[in-house]
């Protein structure tokens, strides 16, 4: 059975308190994975680490290091990770994300 390669494109605009040009994510906010990476707990954890790295790379700006910019980068990363995890829609990955962020998937909204 061939593995399915899936790409997630974040089409929504990430709303941050920074100028739009500071985070041009439209061409950088892509995450590719194989559905087979969700087959085991170990491979799903490895996939989540890769997802974290990709979100960091998409939001990183080496030329800006002020505390406010660092806070915006962290929010950007958090939002990208949440969107990608939601779009993938895998319970195991969602649980890993909830544990990594200290959030409960079942918290009341």
PDB file of N, CA and C in Angstrom:
ATOM      1  N   UNK A   1       0.852  -1.175   0.000  1.00  0.00           N
ATOM      2  CA  UNK A   1       0.000   0.000   0.000  1.00  0.00           C
ATOM      3  C   UNK A   1       0.897   1.238   0.000  1.00  0.00           C
ATOM      4  N   UNK A   2       0.797   2.093  -0.997  1.00  0.00           N
ATOM      5  CA  UNK A   2       1.658   3.269  -1.050  1.00  0.00           C
ATOM      6  C   UNK A   2       1.286   4.266   0.041  1.00  0.00           C
ATOM      7  N   UNK A   3       2.332   4.909   0.573  1.00  0.00           N
ATOM      8  CA  UNK A   3       2.078   5.940   1.580  1.00  0.00           C
ATOM      9  C   UNK A   3       1.596   7.200   0.892  1.00  0.00           C
ATOM     10  N   UNK A   4       0.725   7.857   1.542  1.00  0.00           N
ATOM     11  CA  UNK A   4       0.161   9.086   0.998  1.00  0.00           C
ATOM     12  C   UNK A   4       0.963  10.265   1.527  1.00  0.00           C
ATOM     13  N   UNK A   5       1.486  11.065   0.638  1.00  0.00           N
ATOM     14  CA  UNK A   5       2.193  12.280   1.031  1.00  0.00           C
ATOM     15  C   UNK A   5       1.173  13.398   1.119  1.00  0.00           C
ATOM     16  N   UNK A   6       1.147  14.048   2.243  1.00  0.00           N
ATOM     17  CA  UNK A   6       0.173  15.095   2.475  1.00  0.00           C
ATOM     18  C   UNK A   6       0.894  16.391   2.767  1.00  0.00           C
ATOM     19  N   UNK A   7       0.401  17.461   2.209  1.00  0.00           N
ATOM     20  CA  UNK A   7       0.948  18.790   2.472  1.00  0.00           C
ATOM     21  C   UNK A   7      -0.148  19.639   3.078  1.00  0.00           C
ATOM     22  N   UNK A   8       0.236  20.400   4.073  1.00  0.00           N
ATOM     23  CA  UNK A   8      -0.714  21.315   4.689  1.00  0.00           C
ATOM     24  C   UNK A   8      -0.248  22.719   4.386  1.00  0.00           C
ATOM     25  N   UNK A   9      -1.101  23.481   3.786  1.00  0.00           N
ATOM     26  CA  UNK A   9      -0.805  24.878   3.513  1.00  0.00           C
ATOM     27  C   UNK A   9      -1.676  25.719   4.427  1.00  0.00           C
ATOM     28  N   UNK A  10      -1.056  26.639   5.099  1.00  0.00           N
ATOM     29  CA  UNK A  10      -1.820  27.514   5.962  1.00  0.00           C
ATOM     30  C   UNK A  10      -2.300  28.676   5.131  1.00  0.00           C
ATOM     31  N   UNK A  11      -3.557  28.609   4.741  1.00  0.00           N
ATOM     32  CA  UNK A  11      -4.123  29.641   3.884  1.00  0.00           C
ATOM     33  C   UNK A  11      -4.613  30.829   4.682  1.00  0.00           C
ATOM     34  N   UNK A  12      -4.941  30.585   5.927  1.00  0.00           N
ATOM     35  CA  UNK A  12      -5.441  31.688   6.731  1.00  0.00           C
ATOM     36  C   UNK A  12      -4.300  32.627   7.095  1.00  0.00           C
ATOM     37  N   UNK A  13      -4.638  33.857   7.283  1.00  0.00           N
ATOM     38  CA  UNK A  13      -3.650  34.858   7.663  1.00  0.00           C
ATOM     39  C   UNK A  13      -3.461  34.782   9.165  1.00  0.00           C
ATOM     40  N   UNK A  14      -2.231  34.716   9.588  1.00  0.00           N
ATOM     41  CA  UNK A  14      -1.947  34.703  11.012  1.00  0.00           C
ATOM     42  C   UNK A  14      -1.956  36.136  11.493  1.00  0.00           C
ATOM     43  N   UNK A  15      -2.844  36.405  12.427  1.00  0.00           N
ATOM     44  CA  UNK A  15      -3.009  37.760  12.918  1.00  0.00           C
ATOM     45  C   UNK A  15      -2.094  37.955  14.109  1.00  0.00           C
ATOM     46  N   UNK A  16      -1.149  38.847  13.949  1.00  0.00           N
ATOM     47  CA  UNK A  16      -0.204  39.185  15.001  1.00  0.00           C
ATOM     48  C   UNK A  16      -0.153  40.686  15.141  1.00  0.00           C
ATOM     49  N   UNK A  17       0.404  41.123  16.220  1.00  0.00           N
ATOM     50  CA  UNK A  17       0.515  42.561  16.459  1.00  0.00           C
ATOM     51  C   UNK A  17       1.777  43.121  15.830  1.00  0.00           C
ATOM     52  N   UNK A  18       2.208  42.559  14.742  1.00  0.00           N
ATOM     53  CA  UNK A  18       3.391  43.022  14.032  1.00  0.00           C
ATOM     54  C   UNK A  18       2.985  43.379  12.616  1.00  0.00           C
ATOM     55  N   UNK A  19       3.812  44.158  11.934  1.00  0.00           N
ATOM     56  CA  UNK A  19       3.504  44.463  10.543  1.00  0.00           C
ATOM     57  C   UNK A  19       3.401  43.185   9.724  1.00  0.00           C
ATOM     58  N   UNK A  20       2.535  43.189   8.765  1.00  0.00           N
ATOM     59  CA  UNK A  20       2.323  41.989   7.949  1.00  0.00           C
ATOM     60  C   UNK A  20       3.602  41.525   7.284  1.00  0.00           C
ATOM     61  N   UNK A  21       4.470  42.441   6.908  1.00  0.00           N
ATOM     62  CA  UNK A  21       5.710  42.070   6.229  1.00  0.00           C
ATOM     63  C   UNK A  21       6.671  41.330   7.143  1.00  0.00           C
ATOM     64  N   UNK A  22       6.503  41.431   8.453  1.00  0.00           N
ATOM     65  CA  UNK A  22       7.418  40.770   9.381  1.00  0.00           C
ATOM     66  C   UNK A  22       7.300  39.248   9.307  1.00  0.00           C
ATOM     67  N   UNK A  23       6.143  38.733   8.964  1.00  0.00           N
ATOM     68  CA  UNK A  23       5.938  37.294   8.889  1.00  0.00           C
ATOM     69  C   UNK A  23       5.200  36.908   7.611  1.00  0.00           C
ATOM     70  N   UNK A  24       5.881  36.988   6.471  1.00  0.00           N
ATOM     71  CA  UNK A  24       5.223  36.585   5.218  1.00  0.00           C
ATOM     72  C   UNK A  24       5.156  35.064   5.126  1.00  0.00           C
ATOM     73  N   UNK A  25       4.134  34.476   5.720  1.00  0.00           N
ATOM     74  CA  UNK A  25       4.045  33.024   5.824  1.00  0.00           C
ATOM     75  C   UNK A  25       3.466  32.337   4.598  1.00  0.00           C
ATOM     76  N   UNK A  26       2.890  33.070   3.699  1.00  0.00           N
ATOM     77  CA  UNK A  26       2.174  32.440   2.587  1.00  0.00           C
ATOM     78  C   UNK A  26       3.039  31.475   1.788  1.00  0.00           C
ATOM     79  N   UNK A  27       4.308  31.784   1.629  1.00  0.00           N
ATOM     80  CA  UNK A  27       5.151  30.878   0.836  1.00  0.00           C
ATOM     81  C   UNK A  27       6.050  30.013   1.708  1.00  0.00           C
ATOM     82  N   UNK A  28       6.048  30.229   3.031  1.00  0.00           N
ATOM     83  CA  UNK A  28       6.931  29.458   3.899  1.00  0.00           C
ATOM     84  C   UNK A  28       6.185  28.543   4.848  1.00  0.00           C
ATOM     85  N   UNK A  29       4.915  28.711   5.012  1.00  0.00           N
ATOM     86  CA  UNK A  29       4.169  27.955   6.012  1.00  0.00           C
ATOM     87  C   UNK A  29       3.563  26.692   5.427  1.00  0.00           C
ATOM     88  N   UNK A  30       4.412  25.802   4.992  1.00  0.00           N
ATOM     89  CA  UNK A  30       3.961  24.517   4.470  1.00  0.00           C
ATOM     90  C   UNK A  30       4.552  23.417   5.326  1.00  0.00           C
ATOM     91  N   UNK A  31       3.781  22.383   5.526  1.00  0.00           N
ATOM     92  CA  UNK A  31       4.270  21.227   6.266  1.00  0.00           C
ATOM     93  C   UNK A  31       3.864  19.979   5.504  1.00  0.00           C
ATOM     94  N   UNK A  32       4.842  19.163   5.190  1.00  0.00           N
ATOM     95  CA  UNK A  32       4.610  17.929   4.430  1.00  0.00           C
ATOM     96  C   UNK A  32       4.847  16.730   5.352  1.00  0.00           C
ATOM     97  N   UNK A  33       3.998  15.733   5.229  1.00  0.00           N
ATOM     98  CA  UNK A  33       4.191  14.512   6.000  1.00  0.00           C
ATOM     99  C   UNK A  33       3.598  13.334   5.240  1.00  0.00           C
ATOM    100  N   UNK A  34       4.036  12.146   5.600  1.00  0.00           N
ATOM    101  CA  UNK A  34       3.467  10.918   5.056  1.00  0.00           C
ATOM    102  C   UNK A  34       2.487  10.366   6.074  1.00  0.00           C
ATOM    103  N   UNK A  35       1.362   9.885   5.627  1.00  0.00           N
ATOM    104  CA  UNK A  35       0.379   9.342   6.559  1.00  0.00           C
ATOM    105  C   UNK A  35       0.954   8.186   7.375  1.00  0.00           C
ATOM    106  N   UNK A  36       1.941   7.500   6.834  1.00  0.00           N
ATOM    107  CA  UNK A  36       2.595   6.414   7.562  1.00  0.00           C
ATOM    108  C   UNK A  36       3.323   6.890   8.809  1.00  0.00           C
ATOM    109  N   UNK A  37       3.637   8.181   8.861  1.00  0.00           N
ATOM    110  CA  UNK A  37       4.309   8.732  10.037  1.00  0.00           C
ATOM    111  C   UNK A  37       3.388   8.774  11.249  1.00  0.00           C
ATOM    112  N   UNK A  38       2.105   8.546  11.047  1.00  0.00           N
ATOM    113  CA  UNK A  38       1.131   8.541  12.131  1.00  0.00           C
ATOM    114  C   UNK A  38       0.829   7.125  12.618  1.00  0.00           C
ATOM    115  N   UNK A  39       1.554   6.132  12.116  1.00  0.00           N
ATOM    116  CA  UNK A  39       1.247   4.731  12.382  1.00  0.00           C
ATOM    117  C   UNK A  39       1.560   4.281  13.802  1.00  0.00           C
ATOM    118  N   UNK A  40       2.602   4.815  14.395  1.00  0.00           N
ATOM    119  CA  UNK A  40       2.992   4.388  15.742  1.00  0.00           C
ATOM    120  C   UNK A  40       3.195   5.603  16.635  1.00  0.00           C
ATOM    121  N   UNK A  41       3.223   5.353  17.930  1.00  0.00           N
ATOM    122  CA  UNK A  41       3.458   6.449  18.878  1.00  0.00           C
ATOM    123  C   UNK A  41       4.833   7.075  18.643  1.00  0.00           C
ATOM    124  N   UNK A  42       5.825   6.247  18.388  1.00  0.00           N
ATOM    125  CA  UNK A  42       7.192   6.741  18.177  1.00  0.00           C
ATOM    126  C   UNK A  42       7.280   7.590  16.902  1.00  0.00           C
ATOM    127  N   UNK A  43       6.695   7.108  15.819  1.00  0.00           N
ATOM    128  CA  UNK A  43       6.773   7.868  14.565  1.00  0.00           C
ATOM    129  C   UNK A  43       5.938   9.145  14.645  1.00  0.00           C
ATOM    130  N   UNK A  44       4.842   9.122  15.395  1.00  0.00           N
ATOM    131  CA  UNK A  44       4.024  10.320  15.564  1.00  0.00           C
ATOM    132  C   UNK A  44       4.770  11.356  16.396  1.00  0.00           C
ATOM    133  N   UNK A  45       5.478  10.919  17.433  1.00  0.00           N
ATOM    134  CA  UNK A  45       6.285  11.836  18.244  1.00  0.00           C
ATOM    135  C   UNK A  45       7.399  12.453  17.405  1.00  0.00           C
ATOM    136  N   UNK A  46       7.994  11.655  16.549  1.00  0.00           N
ATOM    137  CA  UNK A  46       9.046  12.163  15.654  1.00  0.00           C
ATOM    138  C   UNK A  46       8.451  13.184  14.672  1.00  0.00           C
ATOM    139  N   UNK A  47       7.265  12.901  14.164  1.00  0.00           N
ATOM    140  CA  UNK A  47       6.568  13.827  13.276  1.00  0.00           C
ATOM    141  C   UNK A  47       6.292  15.149  13.985  1.00  0.00           C
ATOM    142  N   UNK A  48       5.869  15.091  15.239  1.00  0.00           N
ATOM    143  CA  UNK A  48       5.583  16.316  15.983  1.00  0.00           C
ATOM    144  C   UNK A  48       6.850  17.147  16.167  1.00  0.00           C
ATOM    145  N   UNK A  49       7.967  16.515  16.435  1.00  0.00           N
ATOM    146  CA  UNK A  49       9.237  17.248  16.558  1.00  0.00           C
ATOM    147  C   UNK A  49       9.572  17.949  15.244  1.00  0.00           C
ATOM    148  N   UNK A  50       9.335  17.273  14.145  1.00  0.00           N
ATOM    149  CA  UNK A  50       9.573  17.872  12.826  1.00  0.00           C
ATOM    150  C   UNK A  50       8.624  19.035  12.584  1.00  0.00           C
ATOM    151  N   UNK A  51       7.378  18.890  12.999  1.00  0.00           N
ATOM    152  CA  UNK A  51       6.383  19.953  12.874  1.00  0.00           C
ATOM    153  C   UNK A  51       6.822  21.180  13.689  1.00  0.00           C
ATOM    154  N   UNK A  52       7.325  20.951  14.901  1.00  0.00           N
ATOM    155  CA  UNK A  52       7.825  22.056  15.734  1.00  0.00           C
ATOM    156  C   UNK A  52       8.977  22.785  15.041  1.00  0.00           C
ATOM    157  N   UNK A  53       9.897  22.032  14.494  1.00  0.00           N
ATOM    158  CA  UNK A  53      11.044  22.631  13.799  1.00  0.00           C
ATOM    159  C   UNK A  53      10.604  23.444  12.591  1.00  0.00           C
ATOM    160  N   UNK A  54       9.639  22.921  11.865  1.00  0.00           N
ATOM    161  CA  UNK A  54       9.146  23.629  10.673  1.00  0.00           C
ATOM    162  C   UNK A  54       8.434  24.921  11.053  1.00  0.00           C
ATOM    163  N   UNK A  55       7.649  24.893  12.116  1.00  0.00           N
ATOM    164  CA  UNK A  55       6.969  26.104  12.575  1.00  0.00           C
ATOM    165  C   UNK A  55       7.994  27.143  13.018  1.00  0.00           C
ATOM    166  N   UNK A  56       9.029  26.696  13.717  1.00  0.00           N
ATOM    167  CA  UNK A  56      10.078  27.614  14.152  1.00  0.00           C
ATOM    168  C   UNK A  56      10.755  28.248  12.937  1.00  0.00           C
ATOM    169  N   UNK A  57      11.084  27.445  11.957  1.00  0.00           N
ATOM    170  CA  UNK A  57      11.755  27.962  10.755  1.00  0.00           C
ATOM    171  C   UNK A  57      10.864  28.945   9.998  1.00  0.00           C
ATOM    172  N   UNK A  58       9.568  28.665   9.949  1.00  0.00           N
ATOM    173  CA  UNK A  58       8.645  29.536   9.218  1.00  0.00           C
ATOM    174  C   UNK A  58       8.486  30.887   9.908  1.00  0.00           C
ATOM    175  N   UNK A  59       8.635  30.920  11.222  1.00  0.00           N
ATOM    176  CA  UNK A  59       8.401  32.154  11.981  1.00  0.00           C
ATOM    177  C   UNK A  59       9.689  32.866  12.375  1.00  0.00           C
ATOM    178  N   UNK A  60      10.820  32.263  12.133  1.00  0.00           N
ATOM    179  CA  UNK A  60      12.092  32.805  12.599  1.00  0.00           C
ATOM    180  C   UNK A  60      12.572  33.963  11.731  1.00  0.00           C
ATOM    181  N   UNK A  61      13.091  34.969  12.376  1.00  0.00           N
ATOM    182  CA  UNK A  61      13.695  36.117  11.691  1.00  0.00           C
ATOM    183  C   UNK A  61      14.997  36.431  12.409  1.00  0.00           C
ATOM    184  N   UNK A  62      16.100  36.007  11.826  1.00  0.00           N
ATOM    185  CA  UNK A  62      17.408  36.149  12.471  1.00  0.00           C
ATOM    186  C   UNK A  62      17.816  37.597  12.675  1.00  0.00           C
ATOM    187  N   UNK A  63      17.217  38.508  11.954  1.00  0.00           N
ATOM    188  CA  UNK A  63      17.642  39.900  12.039  1.00  0.00           C
ATOM    189  C   UNK A  63      16.965  40.668  13.176  1.00  0.00           C
ATOM    190  N   UNK A  64      15.974  40.067  13.828  1.00  0.00           N
ATOM    191  CA  UNK A  64      15.228  40.787  14.860  1.00  0.00           C
ATOM    192  C   UNK A  64      15.206  39.979  16.152  1.00  0.00           C
ATOM    193  N   UNK A  65      15.667  40.607  17.245  1.00  0.00           N
ATOM    194  CA  UNK A  65      15.781  39.872  18.504  1.00  0.00           C
ATOM    195  C   UNK A  65      15.167  40.578  19.702  1.00  0.00           C
ATOM    196  N   UNK A  66      14.414  41.634  19.518  1.00  0.00           N
ATOM    197  CA  UNK A  66      13.835  42.326  20.666  1.00  0.00           C
ATOM    198  C   UNK A  66      12.843  41.393  21.366  1.00  0.00           C
ATOM    199  N   UNK A  67      12.576  41.674  22.633  1.00  0.00           N
ATOM    200  CA  UNK A  67      11.655  40.826  23.385  1.00  0.00           C
ATOM    201  C   UNK A  67      10.270  40.779  22.763  1.00  0.00           C
ATOM    202  N   UNK A  68       9.807  41.901  22.235  1.00  0.00           N
ATOM    203  CA  UNK A  68       8.476  41.908  21.625  1.00  0.00           C
ATOM    204  C   UNK A  68       8.454  41.049  20.358  1.00  0.00           C
ATOM    205  N   UNK A  69       9.527  41.081  19.593  1.00  0.00           N
ATOM    206  CA  UNK A  69       9.593  40.263  18.377  1.00  0.00           C
ATOM    207  C   UNK A  69       9.693  38.785  18.745  1.00  0.00           C
ATOM    208  N   UNK A  70      10.459  38.483  19.779  1.00  0.00           N
ATOM    209  CA  UNK A  70      10.569  37.088  20.224  1.00  0.00           C
ATOM    210  C   UNK A  70       9.197  36.574  20.663  1.00  0.00           C
ATOM    211  N   UNK A  71       8.440  37.394  21.368  1.00  0.00           N
ATOM    212  CA  UNK A  71       7.091  36.998  21.791  1.00  0.00           C
ATOM    213  C   UNK A  71       6.194  36.751  20.575  1.00  0.00           C
ATOM    214  N   UNK A  72       6.304  37.595  19.566  1.00  0.00           N
ATOM    215  CA  UNK A  72       5.509  37.412  18.346  1.00  0.00           C
ATOM    216  C   UNK A  72       5.903  36.133  17.627  1.00  0.00           C
ATOM    217  N   UNK A  73       7.192  35.832  17.592  1.00  0.00           N
ATOM    218  CA  UNK A  73       7.659  34.594  16.954  1.00  0.00           C
ATOM    219  C   UNK A  73       7.066  33.383  17.661  1.00  0.00           C
ATOM    220  N   UNK A  74       7.068  33.435  18.988  1.00  0.00           N
ATOM    221  CA  UNK A  74       6.518  32.310  19.759  1.00  0.00           C
ATOM    222  C   UNK A  74       5.019  32.142  19.497  1.00  0.00           C
ATOM    223  N   UNK A  75       4.294  33.252  19.410  1.00  0.00           N
ATOM    224  CA  UNK A  75       2.858  33.165  19.092  1.00  0.00           C
ATOM    225  C   UNK A  75       2.647  32.629  17.682  1.00  0.00           C
ATOM    226  N   UNK A  76       3.473  33.074  16.755  1.00  0.00           N
ATOM    227  CA  UNK A  76       3.404  32.587  15.378  1.00  0.00           C
ATOM    228  C   UNK A  76       3.604  31.070  15.348  1.00  0.00           C
ATOM    229  N   UNK A  77       4.661  30.604  16.021  1.00  0.00           N
ATOM    230  CA  UNK A  77       4.946  29.168  16.075  1.00  0.00           C
ATOM    231  C   UNK A  77       3.788  28.401  16.699  1.00  0.00           C
ATOM    232  N   UNK A  78       3.270  28.908  17.808  1.00  0.00           N
ATOM    233  CA  UNK A  78       2.172  28.226  18.495  1.00  0.00           C
ATOM    234  C   UNK A  78       0.948  28.130  17.598  1.00  0.00           C
ATOM    235  N   UNK A  79       0.651  29.197  16.887  1.00  0.00           N
ATOM    236  CA  UNK A  79      -0.525  29.197  16.015  1.00  0.00           C
ATOM    237  C   UNK A  79      -0.328  28.249  14.835  1.00  0.00           C
ATOM    238  N   UNK A  80       0.850  28.270  14.233  1.00  0.00           N
ATOM    239  CA  UNK A  80       1.101  27.349  13.122  1.00  0.00           C
ATOM    240  C   UNK A  80       0.982  25.905  13.570  1.00  0.00           C
ATOM    241  N   UNK A  81       1.610  25.568  14.699  1.00  0.00           N
ATOM    242  CA  UNK A  81       1.546  24.190  15.195  1.00  0.00           C
ATOM    243  C   UNK A  81       0.101  23.781  15.461  1.00  0.00           C
ATOM    244  N   UNK A  82      -0.658  24.643  16.096  1.00  0.00           N
ATOM    245  CA  UNK A  82      -2.062  24.318  16.391  1.00  0.00           C
ATOM    246  C   UNK A  82      -2.859  24.104  15.107  1.00  0.00           C
ATOM    247  N   UNK A  83      -2.651  24.963  14.122  1.00  0.00           N
ATOM    248  CA  UNK A  83      -3.371  24.818  12.847  1.00  0.00           C
ATOM    249  C   UNK A  83      -2.990  23.524  12.147  1.00  0.00           C
ATOM    250  N   UNK A  84      -1.699  23.237  12.075  1.00  0.00           N
ATOM    251  CA  UNK A  84      -1.258  22.020  11.392  1.00  0.00           C
ATOM    252  C   UNK A  84      -1.769  20.771  12.096  1.00  0.00           C
ATOM    253  N   UNK A  85      -1.679  20.734  13.427  1.00  0.00           N
ATOM    254  CA  UNK A  85      -2.168  19.575  14.177  1.00  0.00           C
ATOM    255  C   UNK A  85      -3.666  19.398  13.936  1.00  0.00           C
ATOM    256  N   UNK A  86      -4.418  20.485  13.963  1.00  0.00           N
ATOM    257  CA  UNK A  86      -5.862  20.403  13.718  1.00  0.00           C
ATOM    258  C   UNK A  86      -6.157  19.904  12.304  1.00  0.00           C
ATOM    259  N   UNK A  87      -5.399  20.396  11.331  1.00  0.00           N
ATOM    260  CA  UNK A  87      -5.645  19.975   9.945  1.00  0.00           C
ATOM    261  C   UNK A  87      -5.278  18.516   9.716  1.00  0.00           C
ATOM    262  N   UNK A  88      -4.242  18.025  10.398  1.00  0.00           N
ATOM    263  CA  UNK A  88      -3.875  16.617  10.273  1.00  0.00           C
ATOM    264  C   UNK A  88      -4.967  15.756  10.884  1.00  0.00           C
ATOM    265  N   UNK A  89      -5.508  16.189  12.018  1.00  0.00           N
ATOM    266  CA  UNK A  89      -6.667  15.520  12.599  1.00  0.00           C
ATOM    267  C   UNK A  89      -6.416  14.156  13.206  1.00  0.00           C
ATOM    268  N   UNK A  90      -5.222  13.902  13.692  1.00  0.00           N
ATOM    269  CA  UNK A  90      -4.899  12.619  14.304  1.00  0.00           C
ATOM    270  C   UNK A  90      -4.932  12.757  15.830  1.00  0.00           C
ATOM    271  N   UNK A  91      -5.653  11.858  16.500  1.00  0.00           N
ATOM    272  CA  UNK A  91      -5.792  11.940  17.955  1.00  0.00           C
ATOM    273  C   UNK A  91      -4.452  11.827  18.679  1.00  0.00           C
ATOM    274  N   UNK A  92      -3.614  10.914  18.258  1.00  0.00           N
ATOM    275  CA  UNK A  92      -2.322  10.738  18.925  1.00  0.00           C
ATOM    276  C   UNK A  92      -1.489  12.011  18.799  1.00  0.00           C
ATOM    277  N   UNK A  93      -1.461  12.604  17.614  1.00  0.00           N
ATOM    278  CA  UNK A  93      -0.710  13.840  17.405  1.00  0.00           C
ATOM    279  C   UNK A  93      -1.316  14.979  18.220  1.00  0.00           C
ATOM    280  N   UNK A  94      -2.628  15.042  18.291  1.00  0.00           N
ATOM    281  CA  UNK A  94      -3.306  16.063  19.089  1.00  0.00           C
ATOM    282  C   UNK A  94      -2.953  15.929  20.566  1.00  0.00           C
ATOM    283  N   UNK A  95      -2.860  14.696  21.056  1.00  0.00           N
ATOM    284  CA  UNK A  95      -2.484  14.468  22.450  1.00  0.00           C
ATOM    285  C   UNK A  95      -1.041  14.884  22.716  1.00  0.00           C
ATOM    286  N   UNK A  96      -0.149  14.613  21.788  1.00  0.00           N
ATOM    287  CA  UNK A  96       1.246  15.036  21.923  1.00  0.00           C
ATOM    288  C   UNK A  96       1.312  16.549  21.963  1.00  0.00           C
ATOM    289  N   UNK A  97       0.564  17.195  21.081  1.00  0.00           N
ATOM    290  CA  UNK A  97       0.548  18.659  21.044  1.00  0.00           C
ATOM    291  C   UNK A  97      -0.011  19.231  22.348  1.00  0.00           C
ATOM    292  N   UNK A  98      -1.081  18.652  22.847  1.00  0.00           N
ATOM    293  CA  UNK A  98      -1.672  19.125  24.102  1.00  0.00           C
ATOM    294  C   UNK A  98      -0.681  18.979  25.251  1.00  0.00           C
ATOM    295  N   UNK A  99       0.029  17.867  25.293  1.00  0.00           N
ATOM    296  CA  UNK A  99       1.023  17.660  26.351  1.00  0.00           C
ATOM    297  C   UNK A  99       2.185  18.645  26.213  1.00  0.00           C
ATOM    298  N   UNK A 100       2.599  18.911  24.985  1.00  0.00           N
ATOM    299  CA  UNK A 100       3.726  19.817  24.742  1.00  0.00           C
ATOM    300  C   UNK A 100       3.384  21.263  25.083  1.00  0.00           C
ATOM    301  N   UNK A 101       2.134  21.625  24.928  1.00  0.00           N
ATOM    302  CA  UNK A 101       1.732  23.006  25.174  1.00  0.00           C
ATOM    303  C   UNK A 101       1.137  23.204  26.557  1.00  0.00           C
ATOM    304  N   UNK A 102       0.972  22.112  27.296  1.00  0.00           N
ATOM    305  CA  UNK A 102       0.385  22.209  28.620  1.00  0.00           C
ATOM    306  C   UNK A 102      -1.115  22.417  28.584  1.00  0.00           C
ATOM    307  N   UNK A 103      -1.713  22.208  27.422  1.00  0.00           N
ATOM    308  CA  UNK A 103      -3.151  22.417  27.255  1.00  0.00           C
ATOM    309  C   UNK A 103      -3.859  21.066  27.333  1.00  0.00           C
ATOM    310  N   UNK A 104      -5.081  21.111  27.720  1.00  0.00           N
ATOM    311  CA  UNK A 104      -5.907  19.930  27.696  1.00  0.00           C
ATOM    312  C   UNK A 104      -6.794  19.995  26.468  1.00  0.00           C
ATOM    313  N   UNK A 105      -6.828  18.935  25.703  1.00  0.00           N
ATOM    314  CA  UNK A 105      -7.702  18.893  24.526  1.00  0.00           C
ATOM    315  C   UNK A 105      -9.157  18.972  24.932  1.00  0.00           C
ATOM    316  N   UNK A 106      -9.436  18.613  26.186  1.00  0.00           N
ATOM    317  CA  UNK A 106     -10.828  18.531  26.615  1.00  0.00           C
ATOM    318  C   UNK A 106     -11.225  19.663  27.537  1.00  0.00           C
ATOM    319  N   UNK A 107     -10.400  20.697  27.592  1.00  0.00           N
ATOM    320  CA  UNK A 107     -10.720  21.858  28.421  1.00  0.00           C
ATOM    321  C   UNK A 107     -11.967  22.543  27.897  1.00  0.00           C
ATOM    322  N   UNK A 108     -12.748  23.077  28.793  1.00  0.00           N
ATOM    323  CA  UNK A 108     -13.958  23.791  28.376  1.00  0.00           C
ATOM    324  C   UNK A 108     -13.572  25.070  27.679  1.00  0.00           C
ATOM    325  N   UNK A 109     -14.348  25.401  26.665  1.00  0.00           N
ATOM    326  CA  UNK A 109     -14.071  26.624  25.901  1.00  0.00           C
ATOM    327  C   UNK A 109     -14.946  27.735  26.386  1.00  0.00           C
TER     328      UNK A 109
END
